[in-house]
Amino acid sequence: MPNHVENRLEFFDDPQQIQDILERIKSEKYGIGTMDFNKIIPRPESLDIEAGSKTDRGLEAYKDFIALYIHGKTAADALKSLENIPLESEELFLRQRTNIRCDEWALGLLGKYVNITGDEGSEDMDEGMGMQL
């Protein structure tokens, strides 16, 4: 399935003003008649992560790690412990889970900086899912 979108826009205003706007928002690669949305509102760096099956597997692996890391803790203790996860804990988890590839794990770690589920947060910390990290 293609991942492109085509929209047709009509502008009604002073022709010179329209030309100026089109010049400012054009894609450098394709020229006038195209639109580089980053010139209108720049994409936040936090959204600049790879999308696809590697990312999905990495995020799932990281969520599994978090679920194990906070297992048995109260919600308050779980949130506090997530502020500073020791590298040794991640390394131990990865030694046990040999099916996790390093590149996928790295993509999953990016989930620490974005809301990986789209939820606003969760009180159900024992499951480790739906929390905003």
C-alpha atoms as a PDB file:
ATOM      1  CA  MET A   1       0.000   0.000   0.000  1.00  0.00           C
ATOM      2  CA  PRO A   2       1.500   3.380  -0.936  1.00  0.00           C
ATOM      3  CA  ASN A   3       2.293   5.806   1.845  1.00  0.00           C
ATOM      4  CA  HIS A   4       1.799   9.067  -0.013  1.00  0.00           C
ATOM      5  CA  VAL A   5      -0.998  11.615   0.008  1.00  0.00           C
ATOM      6  CA  GLU A   6      -1.982  14.106  -2.645  1.00  0.00           C
ATOM      7  CA  ASN A   7      -4.088  17.173  -1.879  1.00  0.00           C
ATOM      8  CA  ARG A   8      -5.118  19.900  -4.275  1.00  0.00           C
ATOM      9  CA  LEU A   9      -5.421  23.408  -2.883  1.00  0.00           C
ATOM     10  CA  GLU A  10      -6.792  26.564  -4.476  1.00  0.00           C
ATOM     11  CA  PHE A  11      -5.655  29.990  -3.348  1.00  0.00           C
ATOM     12  CA  PHE A  12      -7.697  33.150  -3.846  1.00  0.00           C
ATOM     13  CA  ASP A  13      -5.831  36.374  -3.059  1.00  0.00           C
ATOM     14  CA  ASP A  14      -3.406  38.847  -4.534  1.00  0.00           C
ATOM     15  CA  PRO A  15      -1.392  36.872  -7.142  1.00  0.00           C
ATOM     16  CA  GLN A  16       1.930  38.327  -5.955  1.00  0.00           C
ATOM     17  CA  GLN A  17       1.176  37.424  -2.319  1.00  0.00           C
ATOM     18  CA  ILE A  18       0.211  33.894  -3.366  1.00  0.00           C
ATOM     19  CA  GLN A  19       3.452  33.575  -5.352  1.00  0.00           C
ATOM     20  CA  ASP A  20       5.477  34.750  -2.325  1.00  0.00           C
ATOM     21  CA  ILE A  21       3.776  32.210  -0.048  1.00  0.00           C
ATOM     22  CA  LEU A  22       4.263  29.383  -2.536  1.00  0.00           C
ATOM     23  CA  GLU A  23       7.936  30.301  -2.855  1.00  0.00           C
ATOM     24  CA  ARG A  24       8.426  30.195   0.930  1.00  0.00           C
ATOM     25  CA  ILE A  25       6.692  26.824   1.475  1.00  0.00           C
ATOM     26  CA  LYS A  26       7.859  24.932  -1.615  1.00  0.00           C
ATOM     27  CA  SER A  27       9.829  21.717  -1.399  1.00  0.00           C
ATOM     28  CA  GLU A  28      13.401  22.419  -2.467  1.00  0.00           C
ATOM     29  CA  LYS A  29      13.433  19.106  -4.298  1.00  0.00           C
ATOM     30  CA  TYR A  30      10.219  19.581  -6.306  1.00  0.00           C
ATOM     31  CA  GLY A  31       9.724  23.358  -6.481  1.00  0.00           C
ATOM     32  CA  ILE A  32       6.656  25.597  -6.720  1.00  0.00           C
ATOM     33  CA  GLY A  33       3.376  23.741  -6.444  1.00  0.00           C
ATOM     34  CA  THR A  34       4.638  21.494  -3.651  1.00  0.00           C
ATOM     35  CA  MET A  35       4.591  22.119   0.082  1.00  0.00           C
ATOM     36  CA  ASP A  36       7.229  21.385   2.710  1.00  0.00           C
ATOM     37  CA  PHE A  37       5.182  21.268   5.908  1.00  0.00           C
ATOM     38  CA  ASN A  38       8.380  21.639   7.961  1.00  0.00           C
ATOM     39  CA  LYS A  39       8.601  25.179   6.608  1.00  0.00           C
ATOM     40  CA  ILE A  40       5.169  25.923   8.059  1.00  0.00           C
ATOM     41  CA  ILE A  41       5.431  24.091  11.400  1.00  0.00           C
ATOM     42  CA  PRO A  42       8.688  22.181  11.977  1.00  0.00           C
ATOM     43  CA  ARG A  43       8.310  18.559  13.005  1.00  0.00           C
ATOM     44  CA  PRO A  44       9.367  18.043  16.644  1.00  0.00           C
ATOM     45  CA  GLU A  45      12.580  16.044  17.000  1.00  0.00           C
ATOM     46  CA  SER A  46      10.806  13.713  19.436  1.00  0.00           C
ATOM     47  CA  LEU A  47       8.708  12.417  16.512  1.00  0.00           C
ATOM     48  CA  ASP A  48      11.734  11.665  14.372  1.00  0.00           C
ATOM     49  CA  ILE A  49      11.849   7.928  15.001  1.00  0.00           C
ATOM     50  CA  GLU A  50      11.731   5.065  12.568  1.00  0.00           C
ATOM     51  CA  ALA A  51       8.307   3.572  12.064  1.00  0.00           C
ATOM     52  CA  GLY A  52       7.809  -0.061  11.214  1.00  0.00           C
ATOM     53  CA  SER A  53       8.196  -3.565  12.506  1.00  0.00           C
ATOM     54  CA  LYS A  54      11.645  -2.936  14.062  1.00  0.00           C
ATOM     55  CA  THR A  55      10.250  -0.046  16.064  1.00  0.00           C
ATOM     56  CA  ASP A  56       7.200  -2.072  17.063  1.00  0.00           C
ATOM     57  CA  ARG A  57       9.391  -4.947  18.292  1.00  0.00           C
ATOM     58  CA  GLY A  58      11.717  -2.551  20.112  1.00  0.00           C
ATOM     59  CA  LEU A  59       8.857  -0.761  21.845  1.00  0.00           C
ATOM     60  CA  GLU A  60       7.268  -4.066  22.815  1.00  0.00           C
ATOM     61  CA  ALA A  61      10.589  -5.299  24.238  1.00  0.00           C
ATOM     62  CA  TYR A  62      11.054  -2.084  26.204  1.00  0.00           C
ATOM     63  CA  LYS A  63       7.492  -2.255  27.551  1.00  0.00           C
ATOM     64  CA  ASP A  64       8.204  -5.860  28.637  1.00  0.00           C
ATOM     65  CA  PHE A  65      11.354  -4.660  30.403  1.00  0.00           C
ATOM     66  CA  ILE A  66       9.480  -1.861  32.181  1.00  0.00           C
ATOM     67  CA  ALA A  67       6.710  -4.258  33.234  1.00  0.00           C
ATOM     68  CA  LEU A  68       9.305  -6.558  34.836  1.00  0.00           C
ATOM     69  CA  TYR A  69      11.280  -3.674  36.310  1.00  0.00           C
ATOM     70  CA  ILE A  70       8.292  -2.191  38.150  1.00  0.00           C
ATOM     71  CA  HIS A  71       6.561  -5.493  38.979  1.00  0.00           C
ATOM     72  CA  GLY A  72       5.307  -5.555  42.561  1.00  0.00           C
ATOM     73  CA  LYS A  73       5.916  -1.840  43.198  1.00  0.00           C
ATOM     74  CA  THR A  74       3.251   0.643  44.150  1.00  0.00           C
ATOM     75  CA  ALA A  75       2.380   3.226  41.516  1.00  0.00           C
ATOM     76  CA  ALA A  76       4.340   5.929  43.331  1.00  0.00           C
ATOM     77  CA  ASP A  77       7.410   3.697  43.782  1.00  0.00           C
ATOM     78  CA  ALA A  78       7.212   2.532  40.173  1.00  0.00           C
ATOM     79  CA  LEU A  79       7.173   6.085  38.838  1.00  0.00           C
ATOM     80  CA  LYS A  80      10.073   7.042  41.098  1.00  0.00           C
ATOM     81  CA  SER A  81      12.118   4.006  40.021  1.00  0.00           C
ATOM     82  CA  LEU A  82      11.586   4.853  36.338  1.00  0.00           C
ATOM     83  CA  GLU A  83      13.364   8.177  36.806  1.00  0.00           C
ATOM     84  CA  ASN A  84      16.755   6.486  36.985  1.00  0.00           C
ATOM     85  CA  ILE A  85      16.884   2.950  35.616  1.00  0.00           C
ATOM     86  CA  PRO A  86      20.340   1.423  36.173  1.00  0.00           C
ATOM     87  CA  LEU A  87      22.071   0.280  32.991  1.00  0.00           C
ATOM     88  CA  GLU A  88      22.818  -3.019  34.726  1.00  0.00           C
ATOM     89  CA  SER A  89      19.077  -3.769  34.891  1.00  0.00           C
ATOM     90  CA  GLU A  90      18.726  -3.319  31.148  1.00  0.00           C
ATOM     91  CA  GLU A  91      21.827  -5.428  30.482  1.00  0.00           C
ATOM     92  CA  LEU A  92      20.543  -8.247  32.676  1.00  0.00           C
ATOM     93  CA  PHE A  93      17.188  -8.184  30.876  1.00  0.00           C
ATOM     94  CA  LEU A  94      18.916  -8.290  27.467  1.00  0.00           C
ATOM     95  CA  ARG A  95      21.145 -11.213  28.519  1.00  0.00           C
ATOM     96  CA  GLN A  96      18.010 -13.170  29.392  1.00  0.00           C
ATOM     97  CA  ARG A  97      16.096 -12.109  26.269  1.00  0.00           C
ATOM     98  CA  THR A  98      18.531 -13.090  23.524  1.00  0.00           C
ATOM     99  CA  ASN A  99      15.838 -12.723  20.870  1.00  0.00           C
ATOM    100  CA  ILE A 100      15.962  -8.896  21.155  1.00  0.00           C
ATOM    101  CA  ARG A 101      18.186  -7.298  18.526  1.00  0.00           C
ATOM    102  CA  CYS A 102      20.336  -4.321  19.535  1.00  0.00           C
ATOM    103  CA  ASP A 103      18.952  -2.059  16.800  1.00  0.00           C
ATOM    104  CA  GLU A 104      15.380  -2.858  17.834  1.00  0.00           C
ATOM    105  CA  TRP A 105      16.197  -2.271  21.511  1.00  0.00           C
ATOM    106  CA  ALA A 106      17.688   1.122  20.635  1.00  0.00           C
ATOM    107  CA  LEU A 107      14.457   2.102  18.888  1.00  0.00           C
ATOM    108  CA  GLY A 108      12.484   0.909  21.906  1.00  0.00           C
ATOM    109  CA  LEU A 109      14.586   3.096  24.190  1.00  0.00           C
ATOM    110  CA  LEU A 110      13.342   6.114  22.256  1.00  0.00           C
ATOM    111  CA  GLY A 111       9.977   5.297  23.799  1.00  0.00           C
ATOM    112  CA  LYS A 112      11.327   6.797  27.025  1.00  0.00           C
ATOM    113  CA  TYR A 113      11.097  10.212  25.389  1.00  0.00           C
ATOM    114  CA  VAL A 114       7.664   9.946  23.790  1.00  0.00           C
ATOM    115  CA  ASN A 115       4.351   8.575  24.969  1.00  0.00           C
ATOM    116  CA  ILE A 116       4.675   5.089  23.515  1.00  0.00           C
ATOM    117  CA  THR A 117       1.019   4.167  23.821  1.00  0.00           C
ATOM    118  CA  GLY A 118      -0.880   7.349  23.077  1.00  0.00           C
ATOM    119  CA  ASP A 119      -2.492   7.155  26.523  1.00  0.00           C
ATOM    120  CA  GLU A 120      -2.279  10.020  28.987  1.00  0.00           C
ATOM    121  CA  GLY A 121      -0.871   7.753  31.673  1.00  0.00           C
ATOM    122  CA  SER A 122      -2.032   4.895  33.800  1.00  0.00           C
ATOM    123  CA  GLU A 123      -2.507   4.149  37.439  1.00  0.00           C
ATOM    124  CA  ASP A 124      -2.132   0.440  36.683  1.00  0.00           C
ATOM    125  CA  MET A 125       1.635   0.292  37.081  1.00  0.00           C
ATOM    126  CA  ASP A 126       1.736  -3.432  37.800  1.00  0.00           C
ATOM    127  CA  GLU A 127       0.969  -4.137  34.162  1.00  0.00           C
ATOM    128  CA  GLY A 128       3.501  -1.580  32.930  1.00  0.00           C
ATOM    129  CA  MET A 129       1.383  -0.686  29.953  1.00  0.00           C
ATOM    130  CA  GLY A 130      -0.148   2.621  28.990  1.00  0.00           C
ATOM    131  CA  MET A 131       2.178   4.765  31.042  1.00  0.00           C
ATOM    132  CA  GLN A 132       3.792   7.927  29.849  1.00  0.00           C
ATOM    133  CA  LEU A 133       7.524   7.587  30.338  1.00  0.00           C
END
